[in-house]
Amino acid sequence: MPLGENQTSEESIDGQKPGDKGTGIFAVPDPTSPGEGAFKKVVVPGITYPDCVRRGQNCIVYKWLPKQLDQTASDCPTKGILCTKSCAHDLCLCINGTCQ
């Protein structure tokens, strides 16, 4: 998986302006976990899409949503569902073929 994979849907940015704020969902490497490919999910509300792309470049994967989400909410309700490039649920990211 390439570093900084952008999983933002076309629908999420359609009609948005560069200054419109939303929420970034980022998967970052977790060096505290011994598991291979371990990551932490970080939710960052109140950022623009261009800022999300800039911040996401060094993450595992990321996406931007045109809405404000609570930064304490990070659980994917469809965890483990097979995916290819993205997941339908706002808080899910497609990592290694499953929604996380």
PDB file of N, CA and C in Angstrom:
ATOM      1  N   MET A   1       0.845  -1.174   0.000  1.00  0.00           N
ATOM      2  CA  MET A   1       0.000   0.000   0.000  1.00  0.00           C
ATOM      3  C   MET A   1       0.895   1.243   0.000  1.00  0.00           C
ATOM      4  N   PRO A   2       0.680   2.158  -0.949  1.00  0.00           N
ATOM      5  CA  PRO A   2       1.506   3.366  -0.992  1.00  0.00           C
ATOM      6  C   PRO A   2       1.232   4.264   0.212  1.00  0.00           C
ATOM      7  N   LEU A   3       2.270   4.927   0.663  1.00  0.00           N
ATOM      8  CA  LEU A   3       2.141   5.836   1.794  1.00  0.00           C
ATOM      9  C   LEU A   3       1.264   7.021   1.404  1.00  0.00           C
ATOM     10  N   GLY A   4       0.392   7.427   2.305  1.00  0.00           N
ATOM     11  CA  GLY A   4      -0.447   8.589   2.073  1.00  0.00           C
ATOM     12  C   GLY A   4      -1.541   8.374   1.053  1.00  0.00           C
ATOM     13  N   GLU A   5      -2.132   7.191   1.026  1.00  0.00           N
ATOM     14  CA  GLU A   5      -3.210   6.911   0.068  1.00  0.00           C
ATOM     15  C   GLU A   5      -4.460   7.708   0.416  1.00  0.00           C
ATOM     16  N   ASN A   6      -4.923   8.525  -0.523  1.00  0.00           N
ATOM     17  CA  ASN A   6      -6.112   9.359  -0.339  1.00  0.00           C
ATOM     18  C   ASN A   6      -7.351   8.549  -0.701  1.00  0.00           C
ATOM     19  N   GLN A   7      -8.228   8.299   0.282  1.00  0.00           N
ATOM     20  CA  GLN A   7      -9.457   7.542   0.057  1.00  0.00           C
ATOM     21  C   GLN A   7     -10.695   8.441   0.065  1.00  0.00           C
ATOM     22  N   THR A   8     -10.504   9.735  -0.129  1.00  0.00           N
ATOM     23  CA  THR A   8     -11.621  10.669  -0.193  1.00  0.00           C
ATOM     24  C   THR A   8     -12.455  10.373  -1.434  1.00  0.00           C
ATOM     25  N   SER A   9     -13.762  10.286  -1.272  1.00  0.00           N
ATOM     26  CA  SER A   9     -14.636  10.017  -2.416  1.00  0.00           C
ATOM     27  C   SER A   9     -14.840  11.295  -3.235  1.00  0.00           C
ATOM     28  N   GLU A  10     -15.099  11.115  -4.517  1.00  0.00           N
ATOM     29  CA  GLU A  10     -15.395  12.255  -5.392  1.00  0.00           C
ATOM     30  C   GLU A  10     -16.623  13.012  -4.885  1.00  0.00           C
ATOM     31  N   GLU A  11     -17.592  12.274  -4.348  1.00  0.00           N
ATOM     32  CA  GLU A  11     -18.811  12.895  -3.833  1.00  0.00           C
ATOM     33  C   GLU A  11     -18.511  13.841  -2.666  1.00  0.00           C
ATOM     34  N   SER A  12     -17.498  13.491  -1.866  1.00  0.00           N
ATOM     35  CA  SER A  12     -17.158  14.319  -0.706  1.00  0.00           C
ATOM     36  C   SER A  12     -16.613  15.683  -1.098  1.00  0.00           C
ATOM     37  N   ILE A  13     -15.897  15.762  -2.215  1.00  0.00           N
ATOM     38  CA  ILE A  13     -15.319  17.052  -2.604  1.00  0.00           C
ATOM     39  C   ILE A  13     -16.125  17.764  -3.687  1.00  0.00           C
ATOM     40  N   ASP A  14     -17.102  17.073  -4.261  1.00  0.00           N
ATOM     41  CA  ASP A  14     -17.933  17.679  -5.298  1.00  0.00           C
ATOM     42  C   ASP A  14     -18.682  18.885  -4.736  1.00  0.00           C
ATOM     43  N   GLY A  15     -18.483  20.034  -5.342  1.00  0.00           N
ATOM     44  CA  GLY A  15     -19.177  21.254  -4.927  1.00  0.00           C
ATOM     45  C   GLY A  15     -18.544  21.977  -3.750  1.00  0.00           C
ATOM     46  N   GLN A  16     -17.467  21.447  -3.215  1.00  0.00           N
ATOM     47  CA  GLN A  16     -16.783  22.085  -2.084  1.00  0.00           C
ATOM     48  C   GLN A  16     -15.837  23.173  -2.588  1.00  0.00           C
ATOM     49  N   LYS A  17     -15.600  24.168  -1.739  1.00  0.00           N
ATOM     50  CA  LYS A  17     -14.641  25.222  -2.037  1.00  0.00           C
ATOM     51  C   LYS A  17     -13.376  24.960  -1.225  1.00  0.00           C
ATOM     52  N   PRO A  18     -12.212  25.465  -1.654  1.00  0.00           N
ATOM     53  CA  PRO A  18     -10.959  25.198  -0.946  1.00  0.00           C
ATOM     54  C   PRO A  18     -10.974  25.561   0.543  1.00  0.00           C
ATOM     55  N   GLY A  19     -11.769  26.529   0.937  1.00  0.00           N
ATOM     56  CA  GLY A  19     -11.808  26.942   2.343  1.00  0.00           C
ATOM     57  C   GLY A  19     -12.862  26.245   3.187  1.00  0.00           C
ATOM     58  N   ASP A  20     -13.683  25.393   2.577  1.00  0.00           N
ATOM     59  CA  ASP A  20     -14.727  24.688   3.323  1.00  0.00           C
ATOM     60  C   ASP A  20     -14.083  23.711   4.302  1.00  0.00           C
ATOM     61  N   LYS A  21     -14.612  23.699   5.518  1.00  0.00           N
ATOM     62  CA  LYS A  21     -14.045  22.827   6.548  1.00  0.00           C
ATOM     63  C   LYS A  21     -14.866  21.566   6.725  1.00  0.00           C
ATOM     64  N   GLY A  22     -14.161  20.508   7.047  1.00  0.00           N
ATOM     65  CA  GLY A  22     -14.779  19.211   7.285  1.00  0.00           C
ATOM     66  C   GLY A  22     -13.930  18.455   8.289  1.00  0.00           C
ATOM     67  N   THR A  23     -13.855  17.141   8.118  1.00  0.00           N
ATOM     68  CA  THR A  23     -13.118  16.289   9.048  1.00  0.00           C
ATOM     69  C   THR A  23     -12.173  15.368   8.285  1.00  0.00           C
ATOM     70  N   GLY A  24     -10.957  15.251   8.787  1.00  0.00           N
ATOM     71  CA  GLY A  24      -9.991  14.315   8.230  1.00  0.00           C
ATOM     72  C   GLY A  24      -9.933  13.060   9.084  1.00  0.00           C
ATOM     73  N   ILE A  25      -9.901  11.903   8.443  1.00  0.00           N
ATOM     74  CA  ILE A  25      -9.735  10.619   9.122  1.00  0.00           C
ATOM     75  C   ILE A  25      -8.383  10.069   8.658  1.00  0.00           C
ATOM     76  N   PHE A  26      -7.474   9.825   9.589  1.00  0.00           N
ATOM     77  CA  PHE A  26      -6.112   9.424   9.254  1.00  0.00           C
ATOM     78  C   PHE A  26      -5.754   8.108   9.954  1.00  0.00           C
ATOM     79  N   ALA A  27      -5.069   7.226   9.250  1.00  0.00           N
ATOM     80  CA  ALA A  27      -4.480   6.033   9.857  1.00  0.00           C
ATOM     81  C   ALA A  27      -2.972   6.286   9.911  1.00  0.00           C
ATOM     82  N   VAL A  28      -2.432   6.299  11.131  1.00  0.00           N
ATOM     83  CA  VAL A  28      -1.006   6.562  11.323  1.00  0.00           C
ATOM     84  C   VAL A  28      -0.339   5.337  11.940  1.00  0.00           C
ATOM     85  N   PRO A  29       0.916   5.079  11.605  1.00  0.00           N
ATOM     86  CA  PRO A  29       1.612   3.928  12.189  1.00  0.00           C
ATOM     87  C   PRO A  29       1.622   4.008  13.714  1.00  0.00           C
ATOM     88  N   ASP A  30       1.476   2.854  14.359  1.00  0.00           N
ATOM     89  CA  ASP A  30       1.461   2.779  15.823  1.00  0.00           C
ATOM     90  C   ASP A  30       2.696   2.019  16.314  1.00  0.00           C
ATOM     91  N   PRO A  31       3.758   2.759  16.671  1.00  0.00           N
ATOM     92  CA  PRO A  31       4.973   2.083  17.120  1.00  0.00           C
ATOM     93  C   PRO A  31       4.845   1.451  18.501  1.00  0.00           C
ATOM     94  N   THR A  32       3.751   1.716  19.216  1.00  0.00           N
ATOM     95  CA  THR A  32       3.574   1.123  20.543  1.00  0.00           C
ATOM     96  C   THR A  32       3.033  -0.289  20.477  1.00  0.00           C
ATOM     97  N   SER A  33       2.536  -0.692  19.302  1.00  0.00           N
ATOM     98  CA  SER A  33       1.969  -2.025  19.144  1.00  0.00           C
ATOM     99  C   SER A  33       2.969  -2.953  18.451  1.00  0.00           C
ATOM    100  N   PRO A  34       3.104  -4.189  18.950  1.00  0.00           N
ATOM    101  CA  PRO A  34       4.051  -5.114  18.328  1.00  0.00           C
ATOM    102  C   PRO A  34       3.540  -5.729  17.023  1.00  0.00           C
ATOM    103  N   GLY A  35       2.266  -5.555  16.726  1.00  0.00           N
ATOM    104  CA  GLY A  35       1.699  -6.182  15.535  1.00  0.00           C
ATOM    105  C   GLY A  35       2.201  -5.557  14.247  1.00  0.00           C
ATOM    106  N   GLU A  36       2.427  -6.392  13.248  1.00  0.00           N
ATOM    107  CA  GLU A  36       2.867  -5.904  11.944  1.00  0.00           C
ATOM    108  C   GLU A  36       1.774  -5.054  11.315  1.00  0.00           C
ATOM    109  N   GLY A  37       2.128  -3.877  10.839  1.00  0.00           N
ATOM    110  CA  GLY A  37       1.167  -2.985  10.211  1.00  0.00           C
ATOM    111  C   GLY A  37       0.220  -2.305  11.175  1.00  0.00           C
ATOM    112  N   ALA A  38       0.555  -2.298  12.460  1.00  0.00           N
ATOM    113  CA  ALA A  38      -0.324  -1.679  13.459  1.00  0.00           C
ATOM    114  C   ALA A  38      -0.481  -0.188  13.182  1.00  0.00           C
ATOM    115  N   PHE A  39      -1.678   0.316  13.424  1.00  0.00           N
ATOM    116  CA  PHE A  39      -1.957   1.731  13.194  1.00  0.00           C
ATOM    117  C   PHE A  39      -2.938   2.257  14.233  1.00  0.00           C
ATOM    118  N   LYS A  40      -2.969   3.572  14.333  1.00  0.00           N
ATOM    119  CA  LYS A  40      -3.961   4.273  15.149  1.00  0.00           C
ATOM    120  C   LYS A  40      -4.788   5.125  14.194  1.00  0.00           C
ATOM    121  N   LYS A  41      -6.065   5.244  14.480  1.00  0.00           N
ATOM    122  CA  LYS A  41      -6.920   6.106  13.685  1.00  0.00           C
ATOM    123  C   LYS A  41      -7.064   7.437  14.420  1.00  0.00           C
ATOM    124  N   VAL A  42      -6.878   8.516  13.681  1.00  0.00           N
ATOM    125  CA  VAL A  42      -6.959   9.860  14.253  1.00  0.00           C
ATOM    126  C   VAL A  42      -8.021  10.640  13.481  1.00  0.00           C
ATOM    127  N   VAL A  43      -8.976  11.228  14.211  1.00  0.00           N
ATOM    128  CA  VAL A  43     -10.038  12.029  13.620  1.00  0.00           C
ATOM    129  C   VAL A  43      -9.736  13.494  13.920  1.00  0.00           C
ATOM    130  N   VAL A  44      -9.640  14.317  12.861  1.00  0.00           N
ATOM    131  CA  VAL A  44      -9.305  15.734  13.020  1.00  0.00           C
ATOM    132  C   VAL A  44     -10.419  16.579  12.404  1.00  0.00           C
ATOM    133  N   PRO A  45     -11.315  17.138  13.246  1.00  0.00           N
ATOM    134  CA  PRO A  45     -12.379  17.990  12.718  1.00  0.00           C
ATOM    135  C   PRO A  45     -11.862  19.411  12.447  1.00  0.00           C
ATOM    136  N   GLY A  46     -12.614  20.148  11.635  1.00  0.00           N
ATOM    137  CA  GLY A  46     -12.323  21.568  11.407  1.00  0.00           C
ATOM    138  C   GLY A  46     -11.158  21.847  10.478  1.00  0.00           C
ATOM    139  N   ILE A  47     -10.913  20.949   9.500  1.00  0.00           N
ATOM    140  CA  ILE A  47      -9.832  21.199   8.546  1.00  0.00           C
ATOM    141  C   ILE A  47     -10.382  21.209   7.121  1.00  0.00           C
ATOM    142  N   THR A  48      -9.680  21.891   6.243  1.00  0.00           N
ATOM    143  CA  THR A  48     -10.072  21.939   4.839  1.00  0.00           C
ATOM    144  C   THR A  48      -9.555  20.700   4.113  1.00  0.00           C
ATOM    145  N   TYR A  49     -10.090  20.459   2.915  1.00  0.00           N
ATOM    146  CA  TYR A  49      -9.609  19.330   2.127  1.00  0.00           C
ATOM    147  C   TYR A  49      -8.133  19.482   1.763  1.00  0.00           C
ATOM    148  N   PRO A  50      -7.688  20.667   1.272  1.00  0.00           N
ATOM    149  CA  PRO A  50      -6.252  20.791   0.971  1.00  0.00           C
ATOM    150  C   PRO A  50      -5.367  20.555   2.199  1.00  0.00           C
ATOM    151  N   ASP A  51      -5.808  20.984   3.376  1.00  0.00           N
ATOM    152  CA  ASP A  51      -5.034  20.748   4.593  1.00  0.00           C
ATOM    153  C   ASP A  51      -5.002  19.254   4.928  1.00  0.00           C
ATOM    154  N   CYS A  52      -6.111  18.574   4.719  1.00  0.00           N
ATOM    155  CA  CYS A  52      -6.178  17.131   4.960  1.00  0.00           C
ATOM    156  C   CYS A  52      -5.196  16.396   4.049  1.00  0.00           C
ATOM    157  N   VAL A  53      -5.147  16.778   2.787  1.00  0.00           N
ATOM    158  CA  VAL A  53      -4.221  16.136   1.840  1.00  0.00           C
ATOM    159  C   VAL A  53      -2.779  16.367   2.286  1.00  0.00           C
ATOM    160  N   ARG A  54      -2.468  17.590   2.700  1.00  0.00           N
ATOM    161  CA  ARG A  54      -1.109  17.897   3.156  1.00  0.00           C
ATOM    162  C   ARG A  54      -0.747  17.072   4.382  1.00  0.00           C
ATOM    163  N   ARG A  55      -1.658  17.015   5.350  1.00  0.00           N
ATOM    164  CA  ARG A  55      -1.405  16.254   6.578  1.00  0.00           C
ATOM    165  C   ARG A  55      -1.355  14.749   6.322  1.00  0.00           C
ATOM    166  N   GLY A  56      -2.100  14.284   5.336  1.00  0.00           N
ATOM    167  CA  GLY A  56      -2.201  12.858   5.070  1.00  0.00           C
ATOM    168  C   GLY A  56      -1.040  12.267   4.298  1.00  0.00           C
ATOM    169  N   GLN A  57      -0.172  13.096   3.748  1.00  0.00           N
ATOM    170  CA  GLN A  57       0.914  12.597   2.906  1.00  0.00           C
ATOM    171  C   GLN A  57       1.824  11.596   3.598  1.00  0.00           C
ATOM    172  N   ASN A  58       2.018  11.723   4.898  1.00  0.00           N
ATOM    173  CA  ASN A  58       2.893  10.793   5.623  1.00  0.00           C
ATOM    174  C   ASN A  58       2.131   9.772   6.453  1.00  0.00           C
ATOM    175  N   CYS A  59       0.837   9.677   6.222  1.00  0.00           N
ATOM    176  CA  CYS A  59       0.011   8.687   6.915  1.00  0.00           C
ATOM    177  C   CYS A  59      -0.071   7.418   6.064  1.00  0.00           C
ATOM    178  N   ILE A  60      -0.658   6.371   6.623  1.00  0.00           N
ATOM    179  CA  ILE A  60      -0.860   5.144   5.853  1.00  0.00           C
ATOM    180  C   ILE A  60      -1.951   5.403   4.812  1.00  0.00           C
ATOM    181  N   VAL A  61      -3.118   5.795   5.280  1.00  0.00           N
ATOM    182  CA  VAL A  61      -4.242   6.190   4.421  1.00  0.00           C
ATOM    183  C   VAL A  61      -4.981   7.318   5.127  1.00  0.00           C
ATOM    184  N   TYR A  62      -5.804   8.033   4.362  1.00  0.00           N
ATOM    185  CA  TYR A  62      -6.599   9.111   4.943  1.00  0.00           C
ATOM    186  C   TYR A  62      -7.784   9.417   4.033  1.00  0.00           C
ATOM    187  N   LYS A  63      -8.751  10.144   4.587  1.00  0.00           N
ATOM    188  CA  LYS A  63      -9.837  10.665   3.767  1.00  0.00           C
ATOM    189  C   LYS A  63     -10.417  11.895   4.443  1.00  0.00           C
ATOM    190  N   TRP A  64     -11.092  12.714   3.648  1.00  0.00           N
ATOM    191  CA  TRP A  64     -11.716  13.942   4.132  1.00  0.00           C
ATOM    192  C   TRP A  64     -13.213  13.826   3.928  1.00  0.00           C
ATOM    193  N   LEU A  65     -13.970  14.308   4.900  1.00  0.00           N
ATOM    194  CA  LEU A  65     -15.434  14.304   4.828  1.00  0.00           C
ATOM    195  C   LEU A  65     -15.940  15.733   4.970  1.00  0.00           C
ATOM    196  N   PRO A  66     -16.943  16.138   4.200  1.00  0.00           N
ATOM    197  CA  PRO A  66     -17.442  17.509   4.250  1.00  0.00           C
ATOM    198  C   PRO A  66     -18.412  17.749   5.406  1.00  0.00           C
ATOM    199  N   LYS A  67     -18.084  17.217   6.560  1.00  0.00           N
ATOM    200  CA  LYS A  67     -18.936  17.386   7.747  1.00  0.00           C
ATOM    201  C   LYS A  67     -18.058  17.339   8.982  1.00  0.00           C
ATOM    202  N   GLN A  68     -18.584  17.830  10.068  1.00  0.00           N
ATOM    203  CA  GLN A  68     -17.849  17.832  11.326  1.00  0.00           C
ATOM    204  C   GLN A  68     -18.190  16.562  12.107  1.00  0.00           C
ATOM    205  N   LEU A  69     -17.158  15.806  12.450  1.00  0.00           N
ATOM    206  CA  LEU A  69     -17.331  14.613  13.272  1.00  0.00           C
ATOM    207  C   LEU A  69     -16.608  14.819  14.594  1.00  0.00           C
ATOM    208  N   ASP A  70     -17.067  14.157  15.612  1.00  0.00           N
ATOM    209  CA  ASP A  70     -16.446  14.210  16.932  1.00  0.00           C
ATOM    210  C   ASP A  70     -15.101  13.501  16.880  1.00  0.00           C
ATOM    211  N   GLN A  71     -14.054  14.152  17.353  1.00  0.00           N
ATOM    212  CA  GLN A  71     -12.729  13.541  17.261  1.00  0.00           C
ATOM    213  C   GLN A  71     -12.550  12.348  18.189  1.00  0.00           C
ATOM    214  N   THR A  72     -13.486  12.109  19.106  1.00  0.00           N
ATOM    215  CA  THR A  72     -13.382  10.932  19.968  1.00  0.00           C
ATOM    216  C   THR A  72     -14.013   9.703  19.321  1.00  0.00           C
ATOM    217  N   ALA A  73     -14.777   9.907  18.238  1.00  0.00           N
ATOM    218  CA  ALA A  73     -15.410   8.783  17.540  1.00  0.00           C
ATOM    219  C   ALA A  73     -14.459   8.280  16.473  1.00  0.00           C
ATOM    220  N   SER A  74     -13.998   7.038  16.604  1.00  0.00           N
ATOM    221  CA  SER A  74     -13.096   6.509  15.583  1.00  0.00           C
ATOM    222  C   SER A  74     -13.377   5.049  15.234  1.00  0.00           C
ATOM    223  N   ASP A  75     -14.332   4.427  15.903  1.00  0.00           N
ATOM    224  CA  ASP A  75     -14.620   3.013  15.642  1.00  0.00           C
ATOM    225  C   ASP A  75     -15.368   2.835  14.329  1.00  0.00           C
ATOM    226  N   CYS A  76     -14.904   1.900  13.525  1.00  0.00           N
ATOM    227  CA  CYS A  76     -15.549   1.558  12.266  1.00  0.00           C
ATOM    228  C   CYS A  76     -16.656   0.549  12.555  1.00  0.00           C
ATOM    229  N   PRO A  77     -17.923   0.896  12.268  1.00  0.00           N
ATOM    230  CA  PRO A  77     -19.024  -0.038  12.552  1.00  0.00           C
ATOM    231  C   PRO A  77     -19.064  -1.237  11.602  1.00  0.00           C
ATOM    232  N   THR A  78     -18.342  -1.161  10.490  1.00  0.00           N
ATOM    233  CA  THR A  78     -18.323  -2.278   9.540  1.00  0.00           C
ATOM    234  C   THR A  78     -16.922  -2.888   9.457  1.00  0.00           C
ATOM    235  N   LYS A  79     -16.217  -2.911  10.577  1.00  0.00           N
ATOM    236  CA  LYS A  79     -14.850  -3.437  10.617  1.00  0.00           C
ATOM    237  C   LYS A  79     -14.806  -4.877  10.113  1.00  0.00           C
ATOM    238  N   GLY A  80     -13.846  -5.142   9.232  1.00  0.00           N
ATOM    239  CA  GLY A  80     -13.672  -6.483   8.694  1.00  0.00           C
ATOM    240  C   GLY A  80     -14.372  -6.739   7.373  1.00  0.00           C
ATOM    241  N   ILE A  81     -15.251  -5.843   6.946  1.00  0.00           N
ATOM    242  CA  ILE A  81     -15.919  -5.988   5.652  1.00  0.00           C
ATOM    243  C   ILE A  81     -14.878  -5.818   4.553  1.00  0.00           C
ATOM    244  N   LEU A  82     -14.929  -6.643   3.527  1.00  0.00           N
ATOM    245  CA  LEU A  82     -13.976  -6.555   2.427  1.00  0.00           C
ATOM    246  C   LEU A  82     -14.146  -5.244   1.659  1.00  0.00           C
ATOM    247  N   CYS A  83     -13.022  -4.684   1.213  1.00  0.00           N
ATOM    248  CA  CYS A  83     -13.050  -3.429   0.459  1.00  0.00           C
ATOM    249  C   CYS A  83     -11.926  -3.432  -0.570  1.00  0.00           C
ATOM    250  N   THR A  84     -12.006  -2.536  -1.535  1.00  0.00           N
ATOM    251  CA  THR A  84     -10.936  -2.414  -2.514  1.00  0.00           C
ATOM    252  C   THR A  84     -10.192  -1.091  -2.356  1.00  0.00           C
ATOM    253  N   LYS A  85     -10.873   0.033  -2.500  1.00  0.00           N
ATOM    254  CA  LYS A  85     -10.200   1.330  -2.428  1.00  0.00           C
ATOM    255  C   LYS A  85     -10.713   2.225  -1.326  1.00  0.00           C
ATOM    256  N   SER A  86     -11.890   1.960  -0.824  1.00  0.00           N
ATOM    257  CA  SER A  86     -12.452   2.773   0.252  1.00  0.00           C
ATOM    258  C   SER A  86     -13.596   2.008   0.908  1.00  0.00           C
ATOM    259  N   CYS A  87     -14.098   2.588   1.991  1.00  0.00           N
ATOM    260  CA  CYS A  87     -15.233   2.005   2.716  1.00  0.00           C
ATOM    261  C   CYS A  87     -16.377   3.012   2.724  1.00  0.00           C
ATOM    262  N   ALA A  88     -17.587   2.511   2.757  1.00  0.00           N
ATOM    263  CA  ALA A  88     -18.758   3.379   2.680  1.00  0.00           C
ATOM    264  C   ALA A  88     -18.973   4.205   3.945  1.00  0.00           C
ATOM    265  N   HIS A  89     -18.693   3.644   5.097  1.00  0.00           N
ATOM    266  CA  HIS A  89     -18.959   4.355   6.340  1.00  0.00           C
ATOM    267  C   HIS A  89     -17.914   5.444   6.588  1.00  0.00           C
ATOM    268  N   ASP A  90     -18.362   6.581   7.117  1.00  0.00           N
ATOM    269  CA  ASP A  90     -17.495   7.735   7.331  1.00  0.00           C
ATOM    270  C   ASP A  90     -16.241   7.421   8.141  1.00  0.00           C
ATOM    271  N   LEU A  91     -16.359   6.642   9.188  1.00  0.00           N
ATOM    272  CA  LEU A  91     -15.236   6.412  10.090  1.00  0.00           C
ATOM    273  C   LEU A  91     -14.351   5.231   9.688  1.00  0.00           C
ATOM    274  N   CYS A  92     -14.623   4.607   8.542  1.00  0.00           N
ATOM    275  CA  CYS A  92     -13.861   3.438   8.113  1.00  0.00           C
ATOM    276  C   CYS A  92     -12.854   3.798   7.030  1.00  0.00           C
ATOM    277  N   LEU A  93     -11.701   3.159   7.104  1.00  0.00           N
ATOM    278  CA  LEU A  93     -10.678   3.273   6.080  1.00  0.00           C
ATOM    279  C   LEU A  93     -10.365   1.877   5.574  1.00  0.00           C
ATOM    280  N   CYS A  94     -10.099   1.749   4.275  1.00  0.00           N
ATOM    281  CA  CYS A  94      -9.768   0.460   3.679  1.00  0.00           C
ATOM    282  C   CYS A  94      -8.275   0.229   3.814  1.00  0.00           C
ATOM    283  N   ILE A  95      -7.917  -0.738   4.657  1.00  0.00           N
ATOM    284  CA  ILE A  95      -6.504  -1.051   4.911  1.00  0.00           C
ATOM    285  C   ILE A  95      -6.299  -2.549   4.705  1.00  0.00           C
ATOM    286  N   ASN A  96      -5.431  -2.882   3.790  1.00  0.00           N
ATOM    287  CA  ASN A  96      -5.121  -4.287   3.475  1.00  0.00           C
ATOM    288  C   ASN A  96      -6.368  -5.103   3.122  1.00  0.00           C
ATOM    289  N   GLY A  97      -7.296  -4.502   2.401  1.00  0.00           N
ATOM    290  CA  GLY A  97      -8.448  -5.229   1.888  1.00  0.00           C
ATOM    291  C   GLY A  97      -9.647  -5.357   2.795  1.00  0.00           C
ATOM    292  N   THR A  98      -9.582  -4.774   4.009  1.00  0.00           N
ATOM    293  CA  THR A  98     -10.750  -4.787   4.890  1.00  0.00           C
ATOM    294  C   THR A  98     -10.981  -3.411   5.491  1.00  0.00           C
ATOM    295  N   CYS A  99     -12.235  -3.127   5.790  1.00  0.00           N
ATOM    296  CA  CYS A  99     -12.578  -1.859   6.434  1.00  0.00           C
ATOM    297  C   CYS A  99     -12.086  -1.881   7.877  1.00  0.00           C
ATOM    298  N   GLN A 100     -11.452  -0.822   8.276  1.00  0.00           N
ATOM    299  CA  GLN A 100     -10.905  -0.687   9.624  1.00  0.00           C
ATOM    300  C   GLN A 100     -11.383   0.600  10.259  1.00  0.00           C
TER     301      GLN A 100
END
